[in-house]
Protein backbone atom coordinates (compact mmCIF):
# COMPACT_ATOMS: atom_id res chain seq x y z
CA MET A 1 40.76 -7.34 -2.39
CA THR A 2 40.27 -5.74 1.01
CA GLY A 3 37.96 -3.25 2.69
CA THR A 4 34.51 -2.32 1.45
CA ASN A 5 35.29 -3.28 -2.16
CA ARG A 6 36.27 -6.88 -1.54
CA THR A 7 34.16 -9.72 -2.88
CA ARG A 8 31.60 -11.17 -0.48
CA ARG A 9 30.48 -14.79 -0.32
CA ILE A 10 26.93 -15.53 0.78
CA ALA A 11 25.60 -19.03 1.40
CA LEU A 12 21.98 -19.70 0.47
CA ILE A 13 20.82 -22.55 2.69
CA ASN A 14 17.68 -24.48 1.81
CA PRO A 15 16.21 -26.08 4.96
CA ASN A 16 14.59 -28.70 2.71
CA ALA A 17 16.48 -31.76 1.47
CA SER A 18 15.88 -31.03 -2.20
CA ALA A 19 18.88 -30.31 -4.39
CA ALA A 20 16.58 -29.41 -7.30
CA VAL A 21 14.79 -26.72 -5.28
CA THR A 22 18.12 -25.41 -3.99
CA ALA A 23 19.42 -25.12 -7.55
CA MET A 24 16.25 -23.32 -8.66
CA MET A 25 16.44 -20.81 -5.79
CA LEU A 26 20.16 -20.28 -6.34
CA GLY A 27 19.50 -19.40 -9.97
CA ILE A 28 16.88 -16.85 -8.91
CA ALA A 29 19.21 -15.47 -6.24
CA ARG A 30 22.02 -14.98 -8.75
CA ARG A 31 19.73 -13.16 -11.16
CA ALA A 32 18.69 -10.86 -8.30
CA VAL A 33 22.21 -9.68 -7.46
CA PRO A 34 22.04 -5.85 -7.28
CA ALA A 35 23.88 -3.80 -9.87
CA ASP A 36 26.38 -2.50 -7.32
CA ALA A 37 27.19 -6.08 -6.31
CA GLN A 38 28.01 -7.34 -9.77
CA GLY A 39 31.49 -8.88 -9.69
CA ARG A 40 31.63 -8.33 -5.93
CA LEU A 41 29.20 -10.97 -4.65
CA THR A 42 29.19 -14.73 -5.05
CA LEU A 43 26.29 -16.95 -4.00
CA GLU A 44 26.57 -20.65 -3.23
CA GLY A 45 23.72 -23.03 -2.48
CA PHE A 46 23.37 -25.73 0.16
CA SER A 47 20.54 -28.14 0.97
CA ALA A 48 19.53 -29.73 4.26
CA SER A 49 21.49 -32.92 4.83
CA GLU A 50 18.28 -34.83 5.61
CA GLY A 51 14.56 -34.35 6.01
CA PRO A 52 11.60 -33.79 3.66
CA PRO A 53 11.91 -32.14 0.24
CA LEU A 54 9.23 -29.65 1.25
CA ILE A 55 8.20 -28.15 4.60
CA THR A 56 4.42 -28.33 4.71
CA ASP A 57 3.48 -28.28 8.42
CA GLU A 58 4.64 -26.93 11.75
CA ALA A 59 6.26 -30.22 12.84
CA ALA A 60 8.52 -30.19 9.78
CA LEU A 61 9.23 -26.50 10.36
CA ALA A 62 10.28 -27.22 13.94
CA ASP A 63 12.52 -30.10 12.81
CA ALA A 64 14.17 -27.82 10.26
CA ALA A 65 14.71 -25.14 12.91
CA ALA A 66 16.36 -27.65 15.23
CA ALA A 67 18.71 -28.87 12.51
CA MET A 68 19.69 -25.46 11.15
CA PRO A 69 22.30 -24.29 13.74
CA ALA A 70 24.56 -27.31 13.23
CA ARG A 71 24.11 -27.17 9.46
CA VAL A 72 25.00 -23.48 9.25
CA THR A 73 27.96 -23.88 11.61
CA ALA A 74 29.43 -26.49 9.30
CA ILE A 75 28.91 -24.26 6.26
CA ALA A 76 30.30 -21.22 8.08
CA ALA A 77 33.63 -23.02 8.41
CA GLU A 78 34.08 -22.48 4.67
CA GLY A 79 34.52 -18.75 5.21
CA PHE A 80 31.27 -17.09 4.17
CA ASP A 81 30.48 -13.42 4.82
CA GLY A 82 26.73 -13.90 5.19
CA PHE A 83 23.94 -16.44 5.09
CA ILE A 84 20.42 -16.67 3.70
CA ILE A 85 17.99 -19.15 5.23
CA ALA A 86 15.85 -19.96 2.22
CA GLY A 87 12.72 -21.37 3.85
CA PHE A 88 9.78 -19.02 4.30
CA GLY A 89 9.33 -19.89 7.97
CA ASP A 90 12.93 -18.71 8.54
CA PRO A 91 13.59 -21.89 10.57
CA GLY A 92 16.38 -21.56 13.12
CA LEU A 93 17.09 -17.93 12.24
CA LEU A 94 17.36 -16.59 15.78
CA ALA A 95 19.48 -19.51 17.00
CA VAL A 96 21.86 -19.18 14.07
CA ARG A 97 22.23 -15.44 14.65
CA GLN A 98 23.14 -16.05 18.25
CA GLN A 99 26.06 -18.26 17.27
CA LEU A 100 27.51 -16.36 14.31
CA ALA A 101 29.07 -12.93 13.90
CA GLN A 102 28.18 -12.76 10.19
CA PRO A 103 24.77 -11.42 9.13
CA VAL A 104 22.03 -14.01 8.67
CA THR A 105 18.95 -13.12 6.63
CA GLY A 106 15.65 -15.00 6.36
CA ILE A 107 13.61 -14.94 3.19
CA ALA A 108 10.39 -14.32 5.14
CA GLU A 109 12.05 -11.50 7.05
CA ALA A 110 13.30 -9.88 3.84
CA GLY A 111 10.17 -10.51 1.80
CA MET A 112 7.81 -9.09 4.40
CA ALA A 113 10.01 -6.06 5.02
CA GLU A 114 10.11 -5.27 1.32
CA ALA A 115 6.36 -5.81 0.89
CA ALA A 116 5.60 -3.52 3.85
CA SER A 117 8.00 -0.79 2.79
CA GLY A 118 6.52 2.67 2.42
CA GLY A 119 3.72 1.80 4.83
CA ARG A 120 2.01 -0.64 2.47
CA ARG A 121 -0.44 -3.29 3.63
CA PHE A 122 0.53 -6.65 2.20
CA ALA A 123 -0.74 -10.20 1.86
CA ILE A 124 1.15 -13.46 2.02
CA VAL A 125 0.16 -15.88 -0.75
CA THR A 126 1.28 -19.47 -0.43
CA THR A 127 0.40 -23.15 -0.94
CA THR A 128 0.80 -24.63 2.56
CA THR A 129 -2.47 -24.67 4.48
CA ALA A 130 -0.95 -26.21 7.62
CA LEU A 131 1.46 -23.27 7.99
CA HIS A 132 -1.26 -20.59 8.03
CA ASP A 133 -1.02 -19.83 11.75
CA SER A 134 2.76 -19.99 11.73
CA LEU A 135 2.93 -17.40 8.94
CA ILE A 136 0.72 -15.02 10.91
CA ARG A 137 2.92 -15.43 13.98
CA THR A 138 6.03 -14.82 11.92
CA ALA A 139 4.58 -11.62 10.46
CA HIS A 140 3.69 -10.42 13.96
CA ASP A 141 7.16 -11.35 15.26
CA TYR A 142 8.68 -9.13 12.58
CA GLY A 143 6.47 -6.20 13.56
CA HIS A 144 3.97 -6.42 10.69
CA ALA A 145 0.77 -7.09 12.64
CA ASP A 146 -0.87 -3.91 11.36
CA ALA A 147 0.52 -4.25 7.84
CA LEU A 148 -0.59 -7.84 7.23
CA ALA A 149 -3.83 -7.72 5.27
CA ALA A 150 -4.30 -11.46 4.80
CA VAL A 151 -2.77 -14.86 4.31
CA ARG A 152 -4.19 -16.46 1.17
CA ILE A 153 -3.57 -20.15 0.45
CA THR A 154 -4.16 -22.04 -2.78
CA PRO A 155 -6.84 -24.75 -2.64
CA GLY A 156 -6.01 -28.43 -3.04
CA ASP A 157 -3.23 -30.71 -1.91
CA VAL A 158 0.03 -28.79 -1.62
CA HIS A 159 2.10 -31.48 -3.32
CA ALA A 160 -0.31 -31.79 -6.25
CA VAL A 161 -0.33 -28.02 -6.71
CA MET A 162 3.43 -27.60 -6.53
CA ASN A 163 4.15 -30.53 -8.84
CA ASP A 164 2.20 -28.84 -11.63
CA PRO A 165 3.80 -25.45 -12.45
CA ALA A 166 0.92 -24.27 -14.63
CA ARG A 167 -1.64 -25.16 -11.97
CA MET A 168 0.48 -23.53 -9.28
CA ALA A 169 0.86 -20.32 -11.28
CA GLU A 170 -2.88 -19.98 -11.89
CA ALA A 171 -3.76 -20.84 -8.28
CA LEU A 172 -1.30 -18.30 -6.91
CA LEU A 173 -2.53 -15.68 -9.37
CA ALA A 174 -6.12 -16.22 -8.24
CA CYS A 175 -5.10 -15.81 -4.59
CA CYS A 176 -3.12 -12.67 -5.39
CA GLU A 177 -6.12 -11.16 -7.18
CA GLN A 178 -8.38 -12.00 -4.22
CA ALA A 179 -5.91 -10.43 -1.79
CA VAL A 180 -5.90 -7.20 -3.79
CA ARG A 181 -9.64 -7.08 -4.47
CA LEU A 182 -11.03 -8.42 -1.19
CA ASP A 183 -8.32 -7.73 1.39
CA GLY A 184 -7.02 -4.40 0.17
CA ALA A 185 -3.45 -5.65 -0.20
CA GLU A 186 -1.10 -3.07 -1.69
CA ALA A 187 1.69 -5.62 -2.18
CA ILE A 188 1.99 -9.39 -2.23
CA VAL A 189 4.80 -11.54 -0.89
CA LEU A 190 5.01 -15.12 -2.08
CA GLY A 191 5.20 -17.40 0.95
CA GLY A 192 7.87 -19.86 -0.10
CA GLY A 193 11.19 -20.08 -1.91
CA PRO A 194 10.00 -22.84 -4.27
CA LEU A 195 7.17 -20.56 -5.46
CA ALA A 196 9.71 -18.23 -7.01
CA SER A 197 9.72 -20.19 -10.25
CA VAL A 198 6.34 -18.72 -11.23
CA ALA A 199 6.75 -15.23 -9.80
CA GLU A 200 7.77 -13.53 -13.04
CA GLY A 201 4.81 -14.93 -14.94
CA ILE A 202 2.18 -13.59 -12.54
CA GLY A 203 3.82 -10.43 -11.25
CA ALA A 204 2.70 -8.24 -14.14
CA ARG A 205 -0.90 -9.44 -13.90
CA ILE A 206 -1.93 -8.42 -10.38
CA GLY A 207 -1.59 -4.63 -10.40
CA VAL A 208 0.46 -4.33 -7.20
CA PRO A 209 4.10 -5.14 -6.42
CA LEU A 210 4.82 -8.87 -6.12
CA VAL A 211 7.75 -9.57 -3.82
CA GLU A 212 9.71 -12.75 -4.47
CA PRO A 213 11.35 -13.50 -1.09
CA VAL A 214 14.56 -15.12 -2.32
CA ALA A 215 15.37 -12.06 -4.42
CA ALA A 216 14.44 -9.77 -1.52
CA ALA A 217 16.77 -11.73 0.76
CA VAL A 218 19.66 -11.32 -1.65
CA ARG A 219 19.20 -7.56 -1.66
CA LEU A 220 18.98 -7.38 2.13
CA ALA A 221 21.87 -9.79 2.71
CA TRP A 222 24.10 -7.78 0.37
CA GLN A 223 23.21 -4.56 2.18
CA ARG A 224 24.02 -6.14 5.54
CA CYS A 225 27.33 -7.53 4.32
CA ARG A 226 28.33 -4.12 3.00
CA GLU A 227 27.35 -2.40 6.22
CA GLY A 228 28.94 -5.03 8.45
CA ALA A 229 25.61 -5.53 10.16
CA GLY A 230 26.71 -8.57 12.11
CA ARG A 231 24.00 -10.00 14.28
CA VAL A 232 20.49 -8.75 13.61
CA ALA A 233 18.11 -9.90 16.32
CA ARG A 234 14.69 -11.18 15.37
CA ALA A 235 11.88 -9.46 17.23
CA ASP A 236 10.27 -11.51 19.98
């Protein structure tokens, strides 16, 4: 198939070395394929070749960013039409864009853009205390300084929280409710691909749109592939 109707292949690349998390995010990504992409878009998942199973601080985020260009270059050789970097810090996004002609989409980029759409103020809700400042910088880099109402982080050790799905769901829900009630958030974006597993269960309970960033990235990546967006520069 040729032209605008041909099938596109998008690689979802997890910057963490966790095959289980990659598989979970890939399942969510496939369920989020837009109606007009059905039968015309395939998604394939890849994990980092080494490193921690979870990025929880700025040092790990920097290591992931440094490793991403070589990892994506190797994957690009398989003939993909677009790429999703499925770590909420969008590690290595700018560097990868500078070396590839195909569109590259970050889940933080997509999630924040969707949360802020229509002029809404939004909050980021996540589990990683040590990434608080990095998340604020990322929001500002993407032009959302005025739209960002708050960054809310679940209490307790990040690994203990994320290893207990029920605990994680309740902790995220509590932060979402605080962001709406105390910070005036009109939308919430979950700050992490691995958090997507509980998004459906809490989305209907907070009264404002809950943006799951992996799903948002699929929608944006598909749009860019269709439009032939090519390189999309991240704001400095």
